[in-house]
C-alpha atoms as a PDB file:
ATOM      1  CA  MET A   1      11.340   2.422 -21.400  1.00  0.00           C
ATOM      2  CA  THR A   2      12.389  -1.277 -21.286  1.00  0.00           C
ATOM      3  CA  ARG A   3      10.031  -3.806 -19.692  1.00  0.00           C
ATOM      4  CA  ARG A   4      12.897  -5.500 -17.914  1.00  0.00           C
ATOM      5  CA  LEU A   5      15.702  -4.621 -15.502  1.00  0.00           C
ATOM      6  CA  LYS A   6      18.780  -6.581 -14.215  1.00  0.00           C
ATOM      7  CA  ARG A   7      18.032  -8.600 -11.244  1.00  0.00           C
ATOM      8  CA  GLY A   8      20.822  -7.128  -9.137  1.00  0.00           C
ATOM      9  CA  ALA A   9      19.420  -3.780  -9.813  1.00  0.00           C
ATOM     10  CA  ALA A  10      15.939  -4.720  -8.500  1.00  0.00           C
ATOM     11  CA  PRO A  11      14.850  -2.590  -5.329  1.00  0.00           C
ATOM     12  CA  ARG A  12      15.892  -3.999  -2.139  1.00  0.00           C
ATOM     13  CA  SER A  13      12.254  -4.083  -1.040  1.00  0.00           C
ATOM     14  CA  TRP A  14      11.474  -6.800  -3.470  1.00  0.00           C
ATOM     15  CA  THR A  15      11.163 -10.318  -1.971  1.00  0.00           C
ATOM     16  CA  VAL A  16      12.895 -12.123  -4.819  1.00  0.00           C
ATOM     17  CA  PRO A  17      16.480 -13.939  -4.709  1.00  0.00           C
ATOM     18  CA  ARG A  18      19.279 -11.646  -5.777  1.00  0.00           C
ATOM     19  CA  LYS A  19      20.783 -14.423  -7.781  1.00  0.00           C
ATOM     20  CA  GLY A  20      19.106 -16.246 -10.591  1.00  0.00           C
ATOM     21  CA  THR A  21      18.212 -15.400 -14.240  1.00  0.00           C
ATOM     22  CA  LYS A  22      19.954 -12.024 -15.341  1.00  0.00           C
ATOM     23  CA  TRP A  23      16.799 -10.110 -16.063  1.00  0.00           C
ATOM     24  CA  ILE A  24      13.623  -9.500 -14.073  1.00  0.00           C
ATOM     25  CA  LEU A  25      10.399  -7.787 -15.011  1.00  0.00           C
ATOM     26  CA  ARG A  26       9.981  -4.067 -14.345  1.00  0.00           C
ATOM     27  CA  PRO A  27       6.612  -2.729 -13.134  1.00  0.00           C
ATOM     28  CA  SER A  28       4.517  -0.773 -15.432  1.00  0.00           C
ATOM     29  CA  PRO A  29       4.303   2.790 -14.739  1.00  0.00           C
ATOM     30  CA  GLY A  30       1.337   3.407 -12.416  1.00  0.00           C
ATOM     31  CA  PRO A  31       0.370   4.754  -9.086  1.00  0.00           C
ATOM     32  CA  HIS A  32       3.212   3.390  -6.920  1.00  0.00           C
ATOM     33  CA  PRO A  33       7.065   4.099  -7.366  1.00  0.00           C
ATOM     34  CA  GLN A  34       9.043   1.165  -8.543  1.00  0.00           C
ATOM     35  CA  ALA A  35      10.801   0.723  -5.246  1.00  0.00           C
ATOM     36  CA  GLU A  36       7.316   0.636  -3.435  1.00  0.00           C
ATOM     37  CA  SER A  37       5.725  -1.983  -5.560  1.00  0.00           C
ATOM     38  CA  MET A  38       6.128  -5.386  -7.048  1.00  0.00           C
ATOM     39  CA  PRO A  39       5.064  -6.620 -10.494  1.00  0.00           C
ATOM     40  CA  LEU A  40       2.098  -8.878 -10.395  1.00  0.00           C
ATOM     41  CA  LEU A  41       3.972 -11.690 -12.377  1.00  0.00           C
ATOM     42  CA  LEU A  42       6.678 -11.877  -9.430  1.00  0.00           C
ATOM     43  CA  LEU A  43       3.935 -12.083  -6.855  1.00  0.00           C
ATOM     44  CA  LEU A  44       2.210 -14.850  -8.493  1.00  0.00           C
ATOM     45  CA  ARG A  45       5.259 -16.887  -9.620  1.00  0.00           C
ATOM     46  CA  ASP A  46       8.062 -16.201  -7.178  1.00  0.00           C
ATOM     47  CA  VAL A  47       6.225 -15.196  -3.984  1.00  0.00           C
ATOM     48  CA  LEU A  48       2.797 -17.054  -3.830  1.00  0.00           C
ATOM     49  CA  ARG A  49       4.162 -19.824  -6.309  1.00  0.00           C
ATOM     50  CA  ILE A  50       0.652 -20.379  -7.657  1.00  0.00           C
ATOM     51  CA  ALA A  51       2.159 -20.200 -11.179  1.00  0.00           C
ATOM     52  CA  GLN A  52       5.352 -22.169 -12.281  1.00  0.00           C
ATOM     53  CA  SER A  53       6.129 -19.890 -15.328  1.00  0.00           C
ATOM     54  CA  THR A  54       5.298 -16.686 -17.050  1.00  0.00           C
ATOM     55  CA  ARG A  55       2.910 -18.617 -19.348  1.00  0.00           C
ATOM     56  CA  GLU A  56       1.048 -20.119 -16.534  1.00  0.00           C
ATOM     57  CA  ALA A  57       0.749 -16.694 -14.846  1.00  0.00           C
ATOM     58  CA  ARG A  58      -0.575 -15.172 -18.214  1.00  0.00           C
ATOM     59  CA  LEU A  59      -3.276 -17.806 -18.460  1.00  0.00           C
ATOM     60  CA  LEU A  60      -4.263 -17.191 -14.867  1.00  0.00           C
ATOM     61  CA  VAL A  61      -4.823 -13.385 -15.287  1.00  0.00           C
ATOM     62  CA  ARG A  62      -6.485 -13.905 -18.658  1.00  0.00           C
ATOM     63  CA  SER A  63      -9.138 -16.217 -16.832  1.00  0.00           C
ATOM     64  CA  GLY A  64     -10.297 -13.199 -14.850  1.00  0.00           C
ATOM     65  CA  ALA A  65      -9.385 -14.709 -11.586  1.00  0.00           C
ATOM     66  CA  VAL A  66      -6.878 -12.259 -10.335  1.00  0.00           C
ATOM     67  CA  HIS A  67      -8.204  -8.853  -8.895  1.00  0.00           C
ATOM     68  CA  VAL A  68      -6.163  -6.025  -7.563  1.00  0.00           C
ATOM     69  CA  ASP A  69      -8.073  -3.404  -5.610  1.00  0.00           C
ATOM     70  CA  GLY A  70     -11.322  -4.977  -6.788  1.00  0.00           C
ATOM     71  CA  LYS A  71     -10.543  -4.774 -10.390  1.00  0.00           C
ATOM     72  CA  ILE A  72      -9.732  -7.424 -12.832  1.00  0.00           C
ATOM     73  CA  VAL A  73      -6.018  -7.240 -13.897  1.00  0.00           C
ATOM     74  CA  THR A  74      -4.412  -8.671 -16.931  1.00  0.00           C
ATOM     75  CA  ASP A  75      -1.175  -6.878 -17.029  1.00  0.00           C
ATOM     76  CA  LEU A  76       1.445  -9.088 -15.477  1.00  0.00           C
ATOM     77  CA  ALA A  77       3.731  -5.994 -15.144  1.00  0.00           C
ATOM     78  CA  ARG A  78       1.016  -4.254 -12.997  1.00  0.00           C
ATOM     79  CA  GLY A  79       2.679  -2.822  -9.907  1.00  0.00           C
ATOM     80  CA  VAL A  80       1.049  -3.910  -6.516  1.00  0.00           C
ATOM     81  CA  GLY A  81       2.056  -1.511  -3.724  1.00  0.00           C
ATOM     82  CA  LEU A  82       1.423  -0.744  -0.137  1.00  0.00           C
ATOM     83  CA  MET A  83      -2.081  -1.486   1.163  1.00  0.00           C
ATOM     84  CA  ASP A  84      -3.201  -2.843  -2.102  1.00  0.00           C
ATOM     85  CA  THR A  85      -5.193  -5.923  -2.109  1.00  0.00           C
ATOM     86  CA  LEU A  86      -4.755  -9.034  -4.120  1.00  0.00           C
ATOM     87  CA  ALA A  87      -7.666 -11.223  -4.572  1.00  0.00           C
ATOM     88  CA  LEU A  88      -7.673 -14.738  -6.396  1.00  0.00           C
ATOM     89  CA  GLY A  89     -10.911 -16.181  -7.520  1.00  0.00           C
ATOM     90  CA  ALA A  90     -11.966 -19.893  -7.982  1.00  0.00           C
ATOM     91  CA  PRO A  91     -10.494 -22.421  -7.539  1.00  0.00           C
ATOM     92  CA  LEU A  92      -7.770 -20.605  -5.330  1.00  0.00           C
ATOM     93  CA  GLN A  93     -10.164 -18.370  -3.366  1.00  0.00           C
ATOM     94  CA  ALA A  94      -7.413 -16.460  -1.465  1.00  0.00           C
ATOM     95  CA  ASN A  95      -7.165 -12.792  -0.340  1.00  0.00           C
ATOM     96  CA  TYR A  96      -3.894 -10.885   0.548  1.00  0.00           C
ATOM     97  CA  ARG A  97      -2.866  -7.271   1.355  1.00  0.00           C
ATOM     98  CA  LEU A  98       0.625  -5.866   0.663  1.00  0.00           C
ATOM     99  CA  PHE A  99       2.641  -4.600   3.576  1.00  0.00           C
ATOM    100  CA  LYS A 100       6.192  -3.933   4.398  1.00  0.00           C
ATOM    101  CA  ASP A 101       7.776  -6.168   7.029  1.00  0.00           C
ATOM    102  CA  ARG A 102      10.365  -4.962   9.691  1.00  0.00           C
ATOM    103  CA  ARG A 103      13.051  -5.266   7.204  1.00  0.00           C
ATOM    104  CA  GLY A 104      11.315  -2.976   4.664  1.00  0.00           C
ATOM    105  CA  LYS A 105      10.441  -5.995   2.399  1.00  0.00           C
ATOM    106  CA  LEU A 106       7.271  -6.146   0.482  1.00  0.00           C
ATOM    107  CA  ARG A 107       5.177  -8.965   1.479  1.00  0.00           C
ATOM    108  CA  LEU A 108       1.698 -10.349   1.050  1.00  0.00           C
ATOM    109  CA  TYR A 109      -0.344 -11.235   4.271  1.00  0.00           C
ATOM    110  CA  PRO A 110      -3.763 -13.175   4.096  1.00  0.00           C
ATOM    111  CA  ILE A 111      -6.909 -11.149   4.962  1.00  0.00           C
ATOM    112  CA  PRO A 112     -10.523 -12.278   5.331  1.00  0.00           C
ATOM    113  CA  ALA A 113     -12.453 -12.211   2.105  1.00  0.00           C
ATOM    114  CA  ASP A 114     -14.684  -9.252   3.123  1.00  0.00           C
ATOM    115  CA  GLU A 115     -11.573  -6.995   3.495  1.00  0.00           C
ATOM    116  CA  ALA A 116     -10.618  -7.596  -0.136  1.00  0.00           C
ATOM    117  CA  THR A 117     -13.091  -4.781  -1.027  1.00  0.00           C
ATOM    118  CA  VAL A 118     -11.753  -2.478   1.669  1.00  0.00           C
ATOM    119  CA  LYS A 119      -8.542  -0.168   1.618  1.00  0.00           C
ATOM    120  CA  ILE A 120      -6.926   2.452   3.674  1.00  0.00           C
ATOM    121  CA  GLY A 121      -5.343   5.367   1.630  1.00  0.00           C
ATOM    122  CA  ARG A 122      -3.187   8.090   3.212  1.00  0.00           C
ATOM    123  CA  ILE A 123      -3.785  11.623   1.865  1.00  0.00           C
ATOM    124  CA  GLN A 124      -0.675  12.746   0.352  1.00  0.00           C
ATOM    125  CA  ARG A 125      -1.824  16.084  -1.336  1.00  0.00           C
ATOM    126  CA  LYS A 126      -4.709  18.518  -1.228  1.00  0.00           C
ATOM    127  CA  THR A 127      -5.352  20.679  -4.270  1.00  0.00           C
ATOM    128  CA  THR A 128      -7.964  22.969  -5.669  1.00  0.00           C
ATOM    129  CA  VAL A 129      -9.522  22.060  -8.896  1.00  0.00           C
ATOM    130  CA  ARG A 130     -11.665  23.768 -11.481  1.00  0.00           C
ATOM    131  CA  GLY A 131     -14.868  25.260 -10.019  1.00  0.00           C
ATOM    132  CA  GLY A 132     -13.131  25.858  -6.674  1.00  0.00           C
ATOM    133  CA  ARG A 133     -13.541  22.415  -5.434  1.00  0.00           C
ATOM    134  CA  LEU A 134     -11.076  20.642  -3.166  1.00  0.00           C
ATOM    135  CA  GLN A 135      -9.489  17.296  -4.252  1.00  0.00           C
ATOM    136  CA  VAL A 136      -7.056  15.198  -2.282  1.00  0.00           C
ATOM    137  CA  THR A 137      -4.497  12.525  -3.782  1.00  0.00           C
ATOM    138  CA  LEU A 138      -3.954   9.405  -1.916  1.00  0.00           C
ATOM    139  CA  HIS A 139      -0.694   7.415  -1.668  1.00  0.00           C
ATOM    140  CA  ASP A 140      -1.836   5.139  -4.407  1.00  0.00           C
ATOM    141  CA  GLY A 141      -2.521   8.044  -6.856  1.00  0.00           C
ATOM    142  CA  ARG A 142      -6.284   8.108  -6.442  1.00  0.00           C
ATOM    143  CA  ASN A 143      -8.003  11.589  -6.690  1.00  0.00           C
ATOM    144  CA  LEU A 144     -11.028  12.018  -4.549  1.00  0.00           C
ATOM    145  CA  ARG A 145     -13.182  15.259  -4.317  1.00  0.00           C
ATOM    146  CA  ILE A 146     -13.874  16.331  -0.674  1.00  0.00           C
ATOM    147  CA  PRO A 147     -17.551  16.385   0.063  1.00  0.00           C
ATOM    148  CA  GLU A 148     -19.103  19.716   1.181  1.00  0.00           C
ATOM    149  CA  GLY A 149     -18.653  20.072   5.038  1.00  0.00           C
ATOM    150  CA  GLN A 150     -15.670  17.619   5.257  1.00  0.00           C
ATOM    151  CA  ASP A 151     -12.350  18.827   6.474  1.00  0.00           C
ATOM    152  CA  TRP A 152      -9.822  16.196   5.238  1.00  0.00           C
ATOM    153  CA  LYS A 153      -6.191  17.136   5.855  1.00  0.00           C
ATOM    154  CA  VAL A 154      -2.747  15.943   4.590  1.00  0.00           C
ATOM    155  CA  GLY A 155      -1.825  12.969   6.711  1.00  0.00           C
ATOM    156  CA  ASP A 156      -5.336  11.770   7.492  1.00  0.00           C
ATOM    157  CA  SER A 157      -6.195   8.370   6.127  1.00  0.00           C
ATOM    158  CA  LEU A 158      -9.500   7.379   4.232  1.00  0.00           C
ATOM    159  CA  LYS A 159     -11.189   3.999   4.410  1.00  0.00           C
ATOM    160  CA  ILE A 160     -12.602   3.356   1.040  1.00  0.00           C
ATOM    161  CA  HIS A 161     -14.689   0.678  -0.667  1.00  0.00           C
ATOM    162  CA  LEU A 162     -13.332  -0.982  -3.804  1.00  0.00           C
ATOM    163  CA  PRO A 163     -13.581  -0.682  -6.650  1.00  0.00           C
ATOM    164  CA  ASP A 164     -16.201   2.109  -6.517  1.00  0.00           C
ATOM    165  CA  GLN A 165     -13.963   4.333  -4.178  1.00  0.00           C
ATOM    166  CA  LYS A 166     -16.882   5.084  -1.774  1.00  0.00           C
ATOM    167  CA  VAL A 167     -15.480   6.671   1.240  1.00  0.00           C
ATOM    168  CA  LEU A 168     -16.471   4.636   4.226  1.00  0.00           C
ATOM    169  CA  GLY A 169     -14.727   6.669   6.955  1.00  0.00           C
ATOM    170  CA  ARG A 170     -11.843   9.075   7.788  1.00  0.00           C
ATOM    171  CA  LEU A 171      -9.107   8.381  10.142  1.00  0.00           C
ATOM    172  CA  PRO A 172      -7.554  11.647  11.416  1.00  0.00           C
ATOM    173  CA  PHE A 173      -3.945  12.177  11.927  1.00  0.00           C
ATOM    174  CA  ALA A 174      -4.150  12.790  15.521  1.00  0.00           C
ATOM    175  CA  VAL A 175      -2.542  12.088  18.922  1.00  0.00           C
ATOM    176  CA  GLY A 176      -3.690   8.846  20.337  1.00  0.00           C
ATOM    177  CA  HIS A 177      -4.312   7.182  17.004  1.00  0.00           C
ATOM    178  CA  LEU A 178      -2.762   3.922  15.768  1.00  0.00           C
ATOM    179  CA  ALA A 179      -0.334   4.260  12.928  1.00  0.00           C
ATOM    180  CA  TYR A 180       1.646   1.852  10.790  1.00  0.00           C
ATOM    181  CA  VAL A 181       5.126   2.953  10.174  1.00  0.00           C
ATOM    182  CA  ALA A 182       5.788   2.767   6.213  1.00  0.00           C
ATOM    183  CA  GLY A 183       9.483   3.698   6.182  1.00  0.00           C
ATOM    184  CA  GLY A 184      12.521   4.373   8.078  1.00  0.00           C
ATOM    185  CA  SER A 185      14.441   2.541  10.706  1.00  0.00           C
ATOM    186  CA  HIS A 186      11.090   1.414  12.420  1.00  0.00           C
ATOM    187  CA  VAL A 187       9.377   0.313   9.202  1.00  0.00           C
ATOM    188  CA  GLY A 188       6.681  -2.258   9.556  1.00  0.00           C
ATOM    189  CA  GLU A 189       5.819  -1.441  13.240  1.00  0.00           C
ATOM    190  CA  LEU A 190       2.538  -0.346  14.676  1.00  0.00           C
ATOM    191  CA  ALA A 191       2.661   2.452  17.283  1.00  0.00           C
ATOM    192  CA  ARG A 192       0.394   5.022  18.832  1.00  0.00           C
ATOM    193  CA  ILE A 193       1.019   8.618  18.137  1.00  0.00           C
ATOM    194  CA  GLU A 194       1.970  10.719  21.213  1.00  0.00           C
ATOM    195  CA  LYS A 195       2.961  14.101  19.745  1.00  0.00           C
ATOM    196  CA  VAL A 196       4.024  15.929  16.495  1.00  0.00           C
ATOM    197  CA  GLU A 197       7.100  18.038  16.455  1.00  0.00           C
ATOM    198  CA  VAL A 198       6.830  20.835  13.877  1.00  0.00           C
ATOM    199  CA  LEU A 199      10.054  21.994  12.704  1.00  0.00           C
ATOM    200  CA  ASN A 200      10.563  25.579  11.571  1.00  0.00           C
ATOM    201  CA  SER A 201      13.065  24.346   9.000  1.00  0.00           C
ATOM    202  CA  PRO A 202      13.408  22.538   5.623  1.00  0.00           C
ATOM    203  CA  GLN A 203      13.444  19.216   7.632  1.00  0.00           C
ATOM    204  CA  PRO A 204      10.199  17.316   7.869  1.00  0.00           C
ATOM    205  CA  ASN A 205       8.048  17.355  10.755  1.00  0.00           C
ATOM    206  CA  ARG A 206       8.567  14.424  13.211  1.00  0.00           C
ATOM    207  CA  VAL A 207       5.899  12.231  14.924  1.00  0.00           C
ATOM    208  CA  HIS A 208       6.819  10.740  18.320  1.00  0.00           C
ATOM    209  CA  PHE A 209       5.211   7.614  19.476  1.00  0.00           C
ATOM    210  CA  LYS A 210       4.094   6.296  22.957  1.00  0.00           C
ATOM    211  CA  GLU A 211       6.574   3.225  22.135  1.00  0.00           C
ATOM    212  CA  GLY A 212       9.547   5.528  22.429  1.00  0.00           C
ATOM    213  CA  PHE A 213      10.603   6.282  19.029  1.00  0.00           C
ATOM    214  CA  SER A 214       9.927   8.913  16.357  1.00  0.00           C
ATOM    215  CA  THR A 215      10.001   9.102  12.600  1.00  0.00           C
ATOM    216  CA  VAL A 216       9.214  11.682   9.816  1.00  0.00           C
ATOM    217  CA  LYS A 217       5.572  12.410   9.090  1.00  0.00           C
ATOM    218  CA  GLN A 218       5.679  11.016   5.487  1.00  0.00           C
ATOM    219  CA  TYR A 219       6.232   7.473   6.971  1.00  0.00           C
ATOM    220  CA  VAL A 220       3.226   7.677   9.320  1.00  0.00           C
ATOM    221  CA  PHE A 221       0.091   5.840   7.973  1.00  0.00           C
ATOM    222  CA  VAL A 222      -2.952   5.992  10.349  1.00  0.00           C
ATOM    223  CA  VAL A 223      -4.786   2.709  10.377  1.00  0.00           C
ATOM    224  CA  GLY A 224      -7.149   3.158  13.286  1.00  0.00           C
ATOM    225  CA  GLU A 225      -8.185   4.986  16.374  1.00  0.00           C
ATOM    226  CA  ALA A 226      -8.698   2.710  19.280  1.00  0.00           C
ATOM    227  CA  THR A 227      -8.211  -0.418  17.199  1.00  0.00           C
ATOM    228  CA  PRO A 228      -6.765  -1.162  13.634  1.00  0.00           C
ATOM    229  CA  GLN A 229      -9.629  -0.815  10.842  1.00  0.00           C
ATOM    230  CA  ILE A 230      -7.920  -3.565   8.764  1.00  0.00           C
ATOM    231  CA  THR A 231      -6.253  -6.918   9.508  1.00  0.00           C
ATOM    232  CA  LEU A 232      -2.565  -6.282  10.070  1.00  0.00           C
ATOM    233  CA  PRO A 233       0.280  -8.973   9.912  1.00  0.00           C
ATOM    234  CA  GLU A 234       0.738 -11.002  13.115  1.00  0.00           C
ATOM    235  CA  GLY A 235       2.892  -9.306  15.590  1.00  0.00           C
ATOM    236  CA  LEU A 236       1.924  -5.802  14.781  1.00  0.00           C
ATOM    237  CA  ASN A 237      -1.081  -5.501  17.041  1.00  0.00           C
ATOM    238  CA  ARG A 238      -0.267  -4.117  20.419  1.00  0.00           C
END
């Protein structure tokens, strides 16, 4: 696979100008789909503007000052996706989390330093592995074994510590809990779950919110019970 793509063919979720150089960097294969992540180079150079060129960005990552989800990253093509944390060490000392705004664009938002090692992941799949143990796969590709006595379900969210992946808590997909909408016409909104409509058809189940709208279940990302468990972009908290 080529490491570049034409700028005009870049996903609409990317916050880069539609006009400019003909070619743009393609994200490396990773945990997030191409349309749901942006290459680290574009975030450093075109979004945050802390590097003026690819060469400057390469020097920055080689210094070990750039962490994604708590790990040092040196690949400028590494895709950074929804809920991922980006931490910049000295002398920059800044921390960000990637969200979608209300236009569906991927954007970095500042977060406190102590949140750079915390992440919420949505359970996408639940499978049985060798030995009869149960395992879940999160939206960012992480695989975690379900501890004995725990009843984790698809749609629940897990609050994890980075980079050791220690589970700090479970946020059940349940009525009354707060959810971030990660897709559809209400993308980027925070709402409280009112009811779940189970459809006996090939159509996905729909989730209705107290704010007066609904969306399909796979777009619902539980982020808290009474209050959000992470810092959200301004304007989302209700």
